[in-house]
Amino acid sequence: MFDLNRLRALRAVATHGSMTGAAAALGYTPSAISQQIAKLERETGSELLDRQGGKVELTPAGWLLAEATDEVVAVLERTRSRLEEQRDRPTGRLMLAAFPTACRGFAAAALADLVRRHRTLDCQLVEADPNRAISLVVRGEADLAVVHDWHNTPLTLPASLSVTELGEDIADVALPEGHPLAERDVLTPYDLRKERWIGQGSGAMCHEWLLRSFSDLGTEPDIPYQIEEYESQISLLAAGLGVTMLPRLGRGTLPPTVRVVPMQPAPSRRLSAIWRSQADRRPAIHATLAALRGHWPGANSGQPARESA
């Protein structure tokens, strides 16, 4: 019988292409991943990794075992769901992945609610951008994730996932005090076409959204300050280094040197919860979805949630 944690380590190397990437995904050190796979090689009597030239690639035997791991995890997932369903209460581990503003905007309160209501549920949280969160859920490293996509930058979800919409988050233009546009009642992309932007870096969904927002004007926004976290963006903004777009979720109190102006058309991002469809019957999934919906800031707006599989 193979050790499941060792199988997961091998699958993570296959997914991320390196010991370092696998270690980051699983929360281990690269040395620990290497040790797990070395033990798995002894158990199987097969060489699972080709470590030539400083690169790590799976051997044919390694790929065979990695693919079998997906099947094993799927069977265990379905079994866990049925066992939990028999108990008729949320139990076991529930790993939630969520991006930063969702964490502070409502996910933390939702998890605190779960902990109070369900003592047998081991709630955990990992901060992850939407693309990474999708991968975590697909691989079984997270049970459920809160993700977002912008109105002009939709997410593509694997067919193996189910999704329910939580709500919509509007974003506004934020400018330094004294900026020529700071006293406007509303702004358009045309008004902002020559501005220097503070935004997230290439590869982030918000970066792609900003590029697309100006594509109809035949121009590309100037983004000299590429900052991941909104708190750091606000610091640069308050220093007068540029303008940015701030979602309302988890925004908090802004410095007095920052002005916020609505944009037309209003940019918005859709927040959704995703999970593996094979875990649909888990009471823990349903309890977590209920908590997320209950603590969503627009929960009392009457906005209906939409689900699909």
C-alpha atoms as a PDB file:
ATOM      1  CA  MET A   1       0.000   0.000   0.000  1.00  0.00           C
ATOM      2  CA  PHE A   2       1.432   3.358  -1.038  1.00  0.00           C
ATOM      3  CA  ASP A   3       1.468   6.330   1.328  1.00  0.00           C
ATOM      4  CA  LEU A   4      -1.045   8.947   0.119  1.00  0.00           C
ATOM      5  CA  ASN A   5       1.074  11.906   1.230  1.00  0.00           C
ATOM      6  CA  ARG A   6       3.974  10.586  -0.863  1.00  0.00           C
ATOM      7  CA  LEU A   7       1.670  10.152  -3.831  1.00  0.00           C
ATOM      8  CA  ARG A   8       0.478  13.740  -3.403  1.00  0.00           C
ATOM      9  CA  ALA A   9       4.086  14.942  -3.328  1.00  0.00           C
ATOM     10  CA  LEU A  10       4.777  13.190  -6.622  1.00  0.00           C
ATOM     11  CA  ARG A  11       1.600  14.611  -8.165  1.00  0.00           C
ATOM     12  CA  ALA A  12       2.596  18.107  -7.034  1.00  0.00           C
ATOM     13  CA  VAL A  13       5.993  17.752  -8.746  1.00  0.00           C
ATOM     14  CA  ALA A  14       4.197  16.650 -11.910  1.00  0.00           C
ATOM     15  CA  THR A  15       1.903  19.686 -11.709  1.00  0.00           C
ATOM     16  CA  HIS A  16       4.485  22.343 -10.808  1.00  0.00           C
ATOM     17  CA  GLY A  17       7.519  20.934 -12.597  1.00  0.00           C
ATOM     18  CA  SER A  18       9.920  21.369  -9.693  1.00  0.00           C
ATOM     19  CA  MET A  19      10.593  20.421  -6.091  1.00  0.00           C
ATOM     20  CA  THR A  20      10.342  24.084  -5.113  1.00  0.00           C
ATOM     21  CA  GLY A  21       6.950  24.542  -6.745  1.00  0.00           C
ATOM     22  CA  ALA A  22       5.612  21.337  -5.224  1.00  0.00           C
ATOM     23  CA  ALA A  23       6.886  22.355  -1.793  1.00  0.00           C
ATOM     24  CA  ALA A  24       5.212  25.777  -2.016  1.00  0.00           C
ATOM     25  CA  ALA A  25       1.902  24.216  -3.058  1.00  0.00           C
ATOM     26  CA  LEU A  26       1.870  21.638  -0.258  1.00  0.00           C
ATOM     27  CA  GLY A  27       3.414  23.770   2.487  1.00  0.00           C
ATOM     28  CA  TYR A  28       6.575  21.661   2.825  1.00  0.00           C
ATOM     29  CA  THR A  29      10.277  22.315   2.229  1.00  0.00           C
ATOM     30  CA  PRO A  30      11.867  21.102  -1.040  1.00  0.00           C
ATOM     31  CA  SER A  31      13.967  18.728   1.074  1.00  0.00           C
ATOM     32  CA  ALA A  32      10.829  17.183   2.588  1.00  0.00           C
ATOM     33  CA  ILE A  33       9.326  16.673  -0.883  1.00  0.00           C
ATOM     34  CA  SER A  34      12.538  15.026  -2.060  1.00  0.00           C
ATOM     35  CA  GLN A  35      12.508  12.698   0.955  1.00  0.00           C
ATOM     36  CA  GLN A  36       8.873  11.739   0.370  1.00  0.00           C
ATOM     37  CA  ILE A  37       9.550  10.822  -3.238  1.00  0.00           C
ATOM     38  CA  ALA A  38      12.726   8.912  -2.340  1.00  0.00           C
ATOM     39  CA  LYS A  39      10.664   6.793   0.058  1.00  0.00           C
ATOM     40  CA  LEU A  40       8.032   6.284  -2.641  1.00  0.00           C
ATOM     41  CA  GLU A  41      10.732   5.112  -5.047  1.00  0.00           C
ATOM     42  CA  ARG A  42      11.852   2.532  -2.481  1.00  0.00           C
ATOM     43  CA  GLU A  43       8.243   1.406  -1.970  1.00  0.00           C
ATOM     44  CA  THR A  44       7.608   0.977  -5.695  1.00  0.00           C
ATOM     45  CA  GLY A  45      11.060  -0.277  -6.640  1.00  0.00           C
ATOM     46  CA  SER A  46      10.983   2.205  -9.541  1.00  0.00           C
ATOM     47  CA  GLU A  47      12.788   5.399 -10.462  1.00  0.00           C
ATOM     48  CA  LEU A  48      10.075   8.059 -10.513  1.00  0.00           C
ATOM     49  CA  LEU A  49      12.059  11.220 -11.290  1.00  0.00           C
ATOM     50  CA  ASP A  50      14.698  12.091 -13.860  1.00  0.00           C
ATOM     51  CA  ARG A  51      16.965  14.649 -12.170  1.00  0.00           C
ATOM     52  CA  GLN A  52      19.471  15.247 -14.989  1.00  0.00           C
ATOM     53  CA  GLY A  53      20.760  18.704 -15.853  1.00  0.00           C
ATOM     54  CA  GLY A  54      19.306  20.421 -12.803  1.00  0.00           C
ATOM     55  CA  LYS A  55      15.757  19.785 -14.036  1.00  0.00           C
ATOM     56  CA  VAL A  56      13.190  17.430 -12.577  1.00  0.00           C
ATOM     57  CA  GLU A  57      10.949  15.412 -14.872  1.00  0.00           C
ATOM     58  CA  LEU A  58       8.800  12.390 -14.189  1.00  0.00           C
ATOM     59  CA  THR A  59       9.843   9.068 -15.677  1.00  0.00           C
ATOM     60  CA  PRO A  60       7.191   6.901 -17.397  1.00  0.00           C
ATOM     61  CA  ALA A  61       6.740   5.064 -14.095  1.00  0.00           C
ATOM     62  CA  GLY A  62       6.394   8.398 -12.322  1.00  0.00           C
ATOM     63  CA  TRP A  63       3.661   9.569 -14.714  1.00  0.00           C
ATOM     64  CA  LEU A  64       1.819   6.257 -14.326  1.00  0.00           C
ATOM     65  CA  LEU A  65       1.788   6.663 -10.561  1.00  0.00           C
ATOM     66  CA  ALA A  66       0.877  10.375 -10.705  1.00  0.00           C
ATOM     67  CA  GLU A  67      -2.121   9.689 -12.927  1.00  0.00           C
ATOM     68  CA  ALA A  68      -3.227   6.855 -10.657  1.00  0.00           C
ATOM     69  CA  THR A  69      -3.056   9.291  -7.736  1.00  0.00           C
ATOM     70  CA  ASP A  70      -5.841  11.378  -9.293  1.00  0.00           C
ATOM     71  CA  GLU A  71      -8.051   8.295  -9.427  1.00  0.00           C
ATOM     72  CA  VAL A  72      -7.243   7.342  -5.841  1.00  0.00           C
ATOM     73  CA  VAL A  73      -7.965  10.859  -4.563  1.00  0.00           C
ATOM     74  CA  ALA A  74     -11.291  10.916  -6.453  1.00  0.00           C
ATOM     75  CA  VAL A  75     -12.383   7.617  -4.874  1.00  0.00           C
ATOM     76  CA  LEU A  76     -11.380   8.822  -1.402  1.00  0.00           C
ATOM     77  CA  GLU A  77     -13.225  12.100  -1.980  1.00  0.00           C
ATOM     78  CA  ARG A  78     -16.449  10.319  -2.858  1.00  0.00           C
ATOM     79  CA  THR A  79     -16.052   7.971   0.115  1.00  0.00           C
ATOM     80  CA  ARG A  80     -15.431  10.854   2.503  1.00  0.00           C
ATOM     81  CA  SER A  81     -18.540  12.623   1.185  1.00  0.00           C
ATOM     82  CA  ARG A  82     -20.678   9.547   1.793  1.00  0.00           C
ATOM     83  CA  LEU A  83     -19.302   8.971   5.280  1.00  0.00           C
ATOM     84  CA  GLU A  84     -19.892  12.604   6.194  1.00  0.00           C
ATOM     85  CA  GLU A  85     -23.362  12.422   4.693  1.00  0.00           C
ATOM     86  CA  GLN A  86     -24.158   9.392   6.864  1.00  0.00           C
ATOM     87  CA  ARG A  87     -23.184  11.347   9.973  1.00  0.00           C
ATOM     88  CA  ASP A  88     -25.462  14.153   8.714  1.00  0.00           C
ATOM     89  CA  ARG A  89     -23.131  16.859   9.996  1.00  0.00           C
ATOM     90  CA  PRO A  90     -20.023  18.691   8.724  1.00  0.00           C
ATOM     91  CA  THR A  91     -16.864  16.916   9.878  1.00  0.00           C
ATOM     92  CA  GLY A  92     -13.209  16.556   8.942  1.00  0.00           C
ATOM     93  CA  ARG A  93     -10.925  19.063   7.286  1.00  0.00           C
ATOM     94  CA  LEU A  94     -12.308  21.966   5.274  1.00  0.00           C
ATOM     95  CA  MET A  95      -9.581  23.894   3.436  1.00  0.00           C
ATOM     96  CA  LEU A  96     -10.852  27.167   1.932  1.00  0.00           C
ATOM     97  CA  ALA A  97      -8.785  29.141  -0.583  1.00  0.00           C
ATOM     98  CA  ALA A  98      -9.586  32.829  -1.102  1.00  0.00           C
ATOM     99  CA  PHE A  99      -7.927  35.909  -2.567  1.00  0.00           C
ATOM    100  CA  PRO A 100      -6.837  38.695  -0.157  1.00  0.00           C
ATOM    101  CA  THR A 101      -9.822  41.069  -0.318  1.00  0.00           C
ATOM    102  CA  ALA A 102     -12.222  38.138   0.026  1.00  0.00           C
ATOM    103  CA  CYS A 103     -10.279  36.937   3.086  1.00  0.00           C
ATOM    104  CA  ARG A 104     -10.692  40.209   4.934  1.00  0.00           C
ATOM    105  CA  GLY A 105     -13.997  41.200   3.324  1.00  0.00           C
ATOM    106  CA  PHE A 106     -16.106  38.220   4.454  1.00  0.00           C
ATOM    107  CA  ALA A 107     -14.311  34.836   4.355  1.00  0.00           C
ATOM    108  CA  ALA A 108     -12.728  35.310   7.800  1.00  0.00           C
ATOM    109  CA  ALA A 109     -16.136  36.014   9.355  1.00  0.00           C
ATOM    110  CA  ALA A 110     -17.642  33.033   7.524  1.00  0.00           C
ATOM    111  CA  LEU A 111     -14.970  30.671   8.856  1.00  0.00           C
ATOM    112  CA  ALA A 112     -15.359  32.025  12.387  1.00  0.00           C
ATOM    113  CA  ASP A 113     -19.088  31.292  12.103  1.00  0.00           C
ATOM    114  CA  LEU A 114     -18.348  27.737  10.928  1.00  0.00           C
ATOM    115  CA  VAL A 115     -15.964  27.129  13.829  1.00  0.00           C
ATOM    116  CA  ARG A 116     -18.632  28.236  16.330  1.00  0.00           C
ATOM    117  CA  ARG A 117     -21.415  26.167  14.767  1.00  0.00           C
ATOM    118  CA  HIS A 118     -19.540  22.975  13.861  1.00  0.00           C
ATOM    119  CA  ARG A 119     -16.998  21.858  16.449  1.00  0.00           C
ATOM    120  CA  THR A 120     -16.156  18.683  14.495  1.00  0.00           C
ATOM    121  CA  LEU A 121     -15.129  20.674  11.414  1.00  0.00           C
ATOM    122  CA  ASP A 122     -11.430  21.562  11.098  1.00  0.00           C
ATOM    123  CA  CYS A 123     -11.531  24.863   9.168  1.00  0.00           C
ATOM    124  CA  GLN A 124      -8.370  26.052   7.414  1.00  0.00           C
ATOM    125  CA  LEU A 125      -7.662  28.982   5.090  1.00  0.00           C
ATOM    126  CA  VAL A 126      -5.037  29.594   2.422  1.00  0.00           C
ATOM    127  CA  GLU A 127      -4.683  32.921   0.599  1.00  0.00           C
ATOM    128  CA  ALA A 128      -4.505  32.417  -3.175  1.00  0.00           C
ATOM    129  CA  ASP A 129      -5.303  34.392  -6.313  1.00  0.00           C
ATOM    130  CA  PRO A 130      -8.124  32.936  -8.459  1.00  0.00           C
ATOM    131  CA  ASN A 131      -5.921  31.019 -10.907  1.00  0.00           C
ATOM    132  CA  ARG A 132      -3.928  29.340  -8.140  1.00  0.00           C
ATOM    133  CA  ALA A 133      -7.095  28.710  -6.134  1.00  0.00           C
ATOM    134  CA  ILE A 134      -8.635  26.836  -9.068  1.00  0.00           C
ATOM    135  CA  SER A 135      -5.559  24.614  -9.275  1.00  0.00           C
ATOM    136  CA  LEU A 136      -5.667  23.943  -5.534  1.00  0.00           C
ATOM    137  CA  VAL A 137      -9.285  22.818  -5.716  1.00  0.00           C
ATOM    138  CA  VAL A 138      -8.769  20.690  -8.823  1.00  0.00           C
ATOM    139  CA  ARG A 139      -5.816  18.897  -7.190  1.00  0.00           C
ATOM    140  CA  GLY A 140      -7.676  18.337  -3.934  1.00  0.00           C
ATOM    141  CA  GLU A 141      -5.361  20.566  -1.905  1.00  0.00           C
ATOM    142  CA  ALA A 142      -8.307  22.865  -1.144  1.00  0.00           C
ATOM    143  CA  ASP A 143     -11.911  21.769  -0.729  1.00  0.00           C
ATOM    144  CA  LEU A 144     -13.543  25.017  -1.786  1.00  0.00           C
ATOM    145  CA  ALA A 145     -12.360  28.400  -3.082  1.00  0.00           C
ATOM    146  CA  VAL A 146     -13.640  31.937  -3.436  1.00  0.00           C
ATOM    147  CA  VAL A 147     -12.612  33.313  -6.846  1.00  0.00           C
ATOM    148  CA  HIS A 148     -13.465  36.316  -8.964  1.00  0.00           C
ATOM    149  CA  ASP A 149     -13.546  37.402 -12.565  1.00  0.00           C
ATOM    150  CA  TRP A 150     -14.106  40.828 -14.105  1.00  0.00           C
ATOM    151  CA  HIS A 151     -16.950  41.708 -16.459  1.00  0.00           C
ATOM    152  CA  ASN A 152     -14.521  41.758 -19.411  1.00  0.00           C
ATOM    153  CA  THR A 153     -12.114  39.048 -18.188  1.00  0.00           C
ATOM    154  CA  PRO A 154     -14.074  35.833 -17.498  1.00  0.00           C
ATOM    155  CA  LEU A 155     -12.625  32.821 -15.717  1.00  0.00           C
ATOM    156  CA  THR A 156     -12.440  29.466 -17.457  1.00  0.00           C
ATOM    157  CA  LEU A 157     -13.303  26.677 -15.036  1.00  0.00           C
ATOM    158  CA  PRO A 158     -12.571  22.965 -15.532  1.00  0.00           C
ATOM    159  CA  ALA A 159     -15.624  20.777 -16.131  1.00  0.00           C
ATOM    160  CA  SER A 160     -14.868  18.894 -12.891  1.00  0.00           C
ATOM    161  CA  LEU A 161     -15.841  21.906 -10.765  1.00  0.00           C
ATOM    162  CA  SER A 162     -19.186  23.193  -9.552  1.00  0.00           C
ATOM    163  CA  VAL A 163     -19.733  26.921  -9.054  1.00  0.00           C
ATOM    164  CA  THR A 164     -22.190  29.216  -7.324  1.00  0.00           C
ATOM    165  CA  GLU A 165     -22.204  32.993  -7.610  1.00  0.00           C
ATOM    166  CA  LEU A 166     -21.893  34.922  -4.345  1.00  0.00           C
ATOM    167  CA  GLY A 167     -22.293  38.496  -5.537  1.00  0.00           C
ATOM    168  CA  GLU A 168     -20.863  41.439  -7.434  1.00  0.00           C
ATOM    169  CA  ASP A 169     -18.108  43.798  -6.318  1.00  0.00           C
ATOM    170  CA  ILE A 170     -17.939  47.281  -7.861  1.00  0.00           C
ATOM    171  CA  ALA A 171     -14.613  49.111  -8.305  1.00  0.00           C
ATOM    172  CA  ASP A 172     -13.961  52.868  -8.291  1.00  0.00           C
ATOM    173  CA  VAL A 173     -11.138  55.074  -9.498  1.00  0.00           C
ATOM    174  CA  ALA A 174      -8.872  56.262  -6.676  1.00  0.00           C
ATOM    175  CA  LEU A 175      -6.731  59.387  -7.154  1.00  0.00           C
ATOM    176  CA  PRO A 176      -4.390  61.472  -4.994  1.00  0.00           C
ATOM    177  CA  GLU A 177      -5.840  64.583  -3.405  1.00  0.00           C
ATOM    178  CA  GLY A 178      -5.273  67.559  -5.685  1.00  0.00           C
ATOM    179  CA  HIS A 179      -5.335  65.516  -8.886  1.00  0.00           C
ATOM    180  CA  PRO A 180      -7.111  67.439 -11.698  1.00  0.00           C
ATOM    181  CA  LEU A 181      -9.748  64.679 -11.944  1.00  0.00           C
ATOM    182  CA  ALA A 182     -10.279  64.190  -8.205  1.00  0.00           C
ATOM    183  CA  GLU A 183     -13.313  66.457  -7.968  1.00  0.00           C
ATOM    184  CA  ARG A 184     -15.206  64.920 -10.884  1.00  0.00           C
ATOM    185  CA  ASP A 185     -18.547  63.243 -10.181  1.00  0.00           C
ATOM    186  CA  VAL A 186     -17.773  60.391 -12.578  1.00  0.00           C
ATOM    187  CA  LEU A 187     -14.893  59.319 -14.827  1.00  0.00           C
ATOM    188  CA  THR A 188     -14.630  57.321 -18.052  1.00  0.00           C
ATOM    189  CA  PRO A 189     -11.739  55.329 -19.543  1.00  0.00           C
ATOM    190  CA  TYR A 190     -11.229  58.198 -21.994  1.00  0.00           C
ATOM    191  CA  ASP A 191     -10.650  60.618 -19.073  1.00  0.00           C
ATOM    192  CA  LEU A 192      -7.984  58.270 -17.690  1.00  0.00           C
ATOM    193  CA  ARG A 193      -6.210  57.303 -20.907  1.00  0.00           C
ATOM    194  CA  LYS A 194      -3.050  59.322 -20.166  1.00  0.00           C
ATOM    195  CA  GLU A 195      -2.704  58.486 -16.471  1.00  0.00           C
ATOM    196  CA  ARG A 196       0.101  56.527 -14.834  1.00  0.00           C
ATOM    197  CA  TRP A 197      -1.406  53.494 -13.114  1.00  0.00           C
ATOM    198  CA  ILE A 198      -0.679  51.619  -9.923  1.00  0.00           C
ATOM    199  CA  GLY A 199      -1.853  48.059 -10.556  1.00  0.00           C
ATOM    200  CA  GLN A 200      -1.074  44.382 -10.303  1.00  0.00           C
ATOM    201  CA  GLY A 201       1.606  42.784 -12.435  1.00  0.00           C
ATOM    202  CA  SER A 202       1.411  40.822 -15.659  1.00  0.00           C
ATOM    203  CA  GLY A 203      -0.338  37.479 -15.249  1.00  0.00           C
ATOM    204  CA  ALA A 204      -2.791  38.731 -12.626  1.00  0.00           C
ATOM    205  CA  MET A 205      -6.443  38.862 -13.568  1.00  0.00           C
ATOM    206  CA  CYS A 206      -6.733  42.508 -12.473  1.00  0.00           C
ATOM    207  CA  HIS A 207      -3.821  43.394 -14.782  1.00  0.00           C
ATOM    208  CA  GLU A 208      -5.574  41.769 -17.737  1.00  0.00           C
ATOM    209  CA  TRP A 209      -8.806  43.526 -16.836  1.00  0.00           C
ATOM    210  CA  LEU A 210      -7.085  46.934 -16.801  1.00  0.00           C
ATOM    211  CA  LEU A 211      -5.551  46.319 -20.233  1.00  0.00           C
ATOM    212  CA  ARG A 212      -8.913  45.313 -21.700  1.00  0.00           C
ATOM    213  CA  SER A 213     -10.643  48.343 -20.186  1.00  0.00           C
ATOM    214  CA  PHE A 214      -8.673  50.603 -22.508  1.00  0.00           C
ATOM    215  CA  SER A 215      -8.574  48.378 -25.590  1.00  0.00           C
ATOM    216  CA  ASP A 216     -11.642  50.054 -27.142  1.00  0.00           C
ATOM    217  CA  LEU A 217      -9.706  53.335 -27.135  1.00  0.00           C
ATOM    218  CA  GLY A 218      -6.845  51.777 -29.096  1.00  0.00           C
ATOM    219  CA  THR A 219      -4.409  52.476 -26.276  1.00  0.00           C
ATOM    220  CA  GLU A 220      -2.692  50.576 -23.496  1.00  0.00           C
ATOM    221  CA  PRO A 221      -2.541  51.933 -19.937  1.00  0.00           C
ATOM    222  CA  ASP A 222       0.838  52.946 -18.570  1.00  0.00           C
ATOM    223  CA  ILE A 223       1.445  50.776 -15.449  1.00  0.00           C
ATOM    224  CA  PRO A 224       4.869  51.731 -14.056  1.00  0.00           C
ATOM    225  CA  TYR A 225       3.956  50.564 -10.528  1.00  0.00           C
ATOM    226  CA  GLN A 226       3.029  46.882 -10.445  1.00  0.00           C
ATOM    227  CA  ILE A 227       1.956  46.076  -6.904  1.00  0.00           C
ATOM    228  CA  GLU A 228      -0.001  42.985  -5.834  1.00  0.00           C
ATOM    229  CA  GLU A 229      -1.631  44.081  -2.578  1.00  0.00           C
ATOM    230  CA  TYR A 230      -4.190  46.886  -2.464  1.00  0.00           C
ATOM    231  CA  GLU A 231      -2.820  48.252   0.815  1.00  0.00           C
ATOM    232  CA  SER A 232       0.547  48.841  -0.861  1.00  0.00           C
ATOM    233  CA  GLN A 233      -1.172  50.353  -3.896  1.00  0.00           C
ATOM    234  CA  ILE A 234      -2.929  52.798  -1.578  1.00  0.00           C
ATOM    235  CA  SER A 235       0.422  53.812  -0.046  1.00  0.00           C
ATOM    236  CA  LEU A 236       1.779  54.705  -3.494  1.00  0.00           C
ATOM    237  CA  LEU A 237      -1.490  56.412  -4.322  1.00  0.00           C
ATOM    238  CA  ALA A 238      -1.381  58.546  -1.174  1.00  0.00           C
ATOM    239  CA  ALA A 239       2.174  59.549  -2.121  1.00  0.00           C
ATOM    240  CA  GLY A 240       0.849  60.941  -5.407  1.00  0.00           C
ATOM    241  CA  LEU A 241       2.599  58.451  -7.697  1.00  0.00           C
ATOM    242  CA  GLY A 242      -0.371  57.513  -9.857  1.00  0.00           C
ATOM    243  CA  VAL A 243      -4.008  56.431  -9.942  1.00  0.00           C
ATOM    244  CA  THR A 244      -5.551  53.025  -9.334  1.00  0.00           C
ATOM    245  CA  MET A 245      -8.802  51.110  -9.359  1.00  0.00           C
ATOM    246  CA  LEU A 246     -10.044  49.903  -5.980  1.00  0.00           C
ATOM    247  CA  PRO A 247     -12.754  47.262  -5.469  1.00  0.00           C
ATOM    248  CA  ARG A 248     -15.155  48.113  -2.663  1.00  0.00           C
ATOM    249  CA  LEU A 249     -14.899  44.710  -0.976  1.00  0.00           C
ATOM    250  CA  GLY A 250     -12.547  44.819   1.995  1.00  0.00           C
ATOM    251  CA  ARG A 251     -11.442  48.356   1.118  1.00  0.00           C
ATOM    252  CA  GLY A 252     -11.484  49.726   4.635  1.00  0.00           C
ATOM    253  CA  THR A 253     -10.832  53.363   5.551  1.00  0.00           C
ATOM    254  CA  LEU A 254      -8.759  55.286   3.019  1.00  0.00           C
ATOM    255  CA  PRO A 255      -6.205  57.989   3.899  1.00  0.00           C
ATOM    256  CA  PRO A 256      -7.556  61.572   3.757  1.00  0.00           C
ATOM    257  CA  THR A 257      -5.163  62.265   0.871  1.00  0.00           C
ATOM    258  CA  VAL A 258      -7.032  59.811  -1.381  1.00  0.00           C
ATOM    259  CA  ARG A 259     -10.143  60.624  -3.403  1.00  0.00           C
ATOM    260  CA  VAL A 260     -12.534  58.012  -4.847  1.00  0.00           C
ATOM    261  CA  VAL A 261     -14.602  58.689  -7.980  1.00  0.00           C
ATOM    262  CA  PRO A 262     -17.097  56.287  -9.629  1.00  0.00           C
ATOM    263  CA  MET A 263     -16.327  55.138 -13.156  1.00  0.00           C
ATOM    264  CA  GLN A 264     -18.722  54.739 -16.071  1.00  0.00           C
ATOM    265  CA  PRO A 265     -19.365  52.152 -17.205  1.00  0.00           C
ATOM    266  CA  ALA A 266     -18.956  50.846 -13.666  1.00  0.00           C
ATOM    267  CA  PRO A 267     -16.292  48.098 -13.585  1.00  0.00           C
ATOM    268  CA  SER A 268     -17.375  45.083 -11.574  1.00  0.00           C
ATOM    269  CA  ARG A 269     -16.082  41.659 -10.675  1.00  0.00           C
ATOM    270  CA  ARG A 270     -18.198  38.608  -9.977  1.00  0.00           C
ATOM    271  CA  LEU A 271     -17.332  36.610  -6.878  1.00  0.00           C
ATOM    272  CA  SER A 272     -18.050  32.885  -6.904  1.00  0.00           C
ATOM    273  CA  ALA A 273     -17.419  29.806  -4.799  1.00  0.00           C
ATOM    274  CA  ILE A 274     -16.070  26.701  -6.526  1.00  0.00           C
ATOM    275  CA  TRP A 275     -15.640  23.090  -5.396  1.00  0.00           C
ATOM    276  CA  ARG A 276     -15.135  19.643  -6.911  1.00  0.00           C
ATOM    277  CA  SER A 277     -18.432  18.267  -8.190  1.00  0.00           C
ATOM    278  CA  GLN A 278     -17.610  14.857  -6.739  1.00  0.00           C
ATOM    279  CA  ALA A 279     -17.804  16.455  -3.267  1.00  0.00           C
ATOM    280  CA  ASP A 280     -21.331  17.798  -3.832  1.00  0.00           C
ATOM    281  CA  ARG A 281     -22.780  15.571  -1.104  1.00  0.00           C
ATOM    282  CA  ARG A 282     -20.410  16.709   1.656  1.00  0.00           C
ATOM    283  CA  PRO A 283     -22.309  18.525   4.430  1.00  0.00           C
ATOM    284  CA  ALA A 284     -19.110  20.531   5.057  1.00  0.00           C
ATOM    285  CA  ILE A 285     -19.330  22.012   1.549  1.00  0.00           C
ATOM    286  CA  HIS A 286     -22.953  23.030   2.024  1.00  0.00           C
ATOM    287  CA  ALA A 287     -22.256  24.498   5.471  1.00  0.00           C
ATOM    288  CA  THR A 288     -19.343  26.542   4.105  1.00  0.00           C
ATOM    289  CA  LEU A 289     -21.378  27.818   1.163  1.00  0.00           C
ATOM    290  CA  ALA A 290     -24.143  28.878   3.545  1.00  0.00           C
ATOM    291  CA  ALA A 291     -21.638  30.712   5.757  1.00  0.00           C
ATOM    292  CA  LEU A 292     -20.054  32.496   2.783  1.00  0.00           C
ATOM    293  CA  ARG A 293     -23.453  33.585   1.472  1.00  0.00           C
ATOM    294  CA  GLY A 294     -24.513  34.720   4.930  1.00  0.00           C
ATOM    295  CA  HIS A 295     -21.437  36.910   5.433  1.00  0.00           C
ATOM    296  CA  TRP A 296     -21.256  38.297   1.898  1.00  0.00           C
ATOM    297  CA  PRO A 297     -21.625  42.106   2.333  1.00  0.00           C
ATOM    298  CA  GLY A 298     -24.557  42.164  -0.118  1.00  0.00           C
ATOM    299  CA  ALA A 299     -26.326  39.192   1.477  1.00  0.00           C
ATOM    300  CA  ASN A 300     -29.403  41.260   2.308  1.00  0.00           C
ATOM    301  CA  SER A 301     -29.669  42.887  -1.111  1.00  0.00           C
ATOM    302  CA  GLY A 302     -31.969  40.200  -2.470  1.00  0.00           C
ATOM    303  CA  GLN A 303     -29.567  39.377  -5.290  1.00  0.00           C
ATOM    304  CA  PRO A 304     -30.139  35.740  -6.327  1.00  0.00           C
ATOM    305  CA  ALA A 305     -27.241  33.293  -6.479  1.00  0.00           C
ATOM    306  CA  ARG A 306     -26.743  31.200  -9.583  1.00  0.00           C
ATOM    307  CA  GLU A 307     -25.266  27.712  -9.575  1.00  0.00           C
ATOM    308  CA  SER A 308     -23.896  25.451 -12.271  1.00  0.00           C
ATOM    309  CA  ALA A 309     -21.855  22.301 -12.452  1.00  0.00           C
END
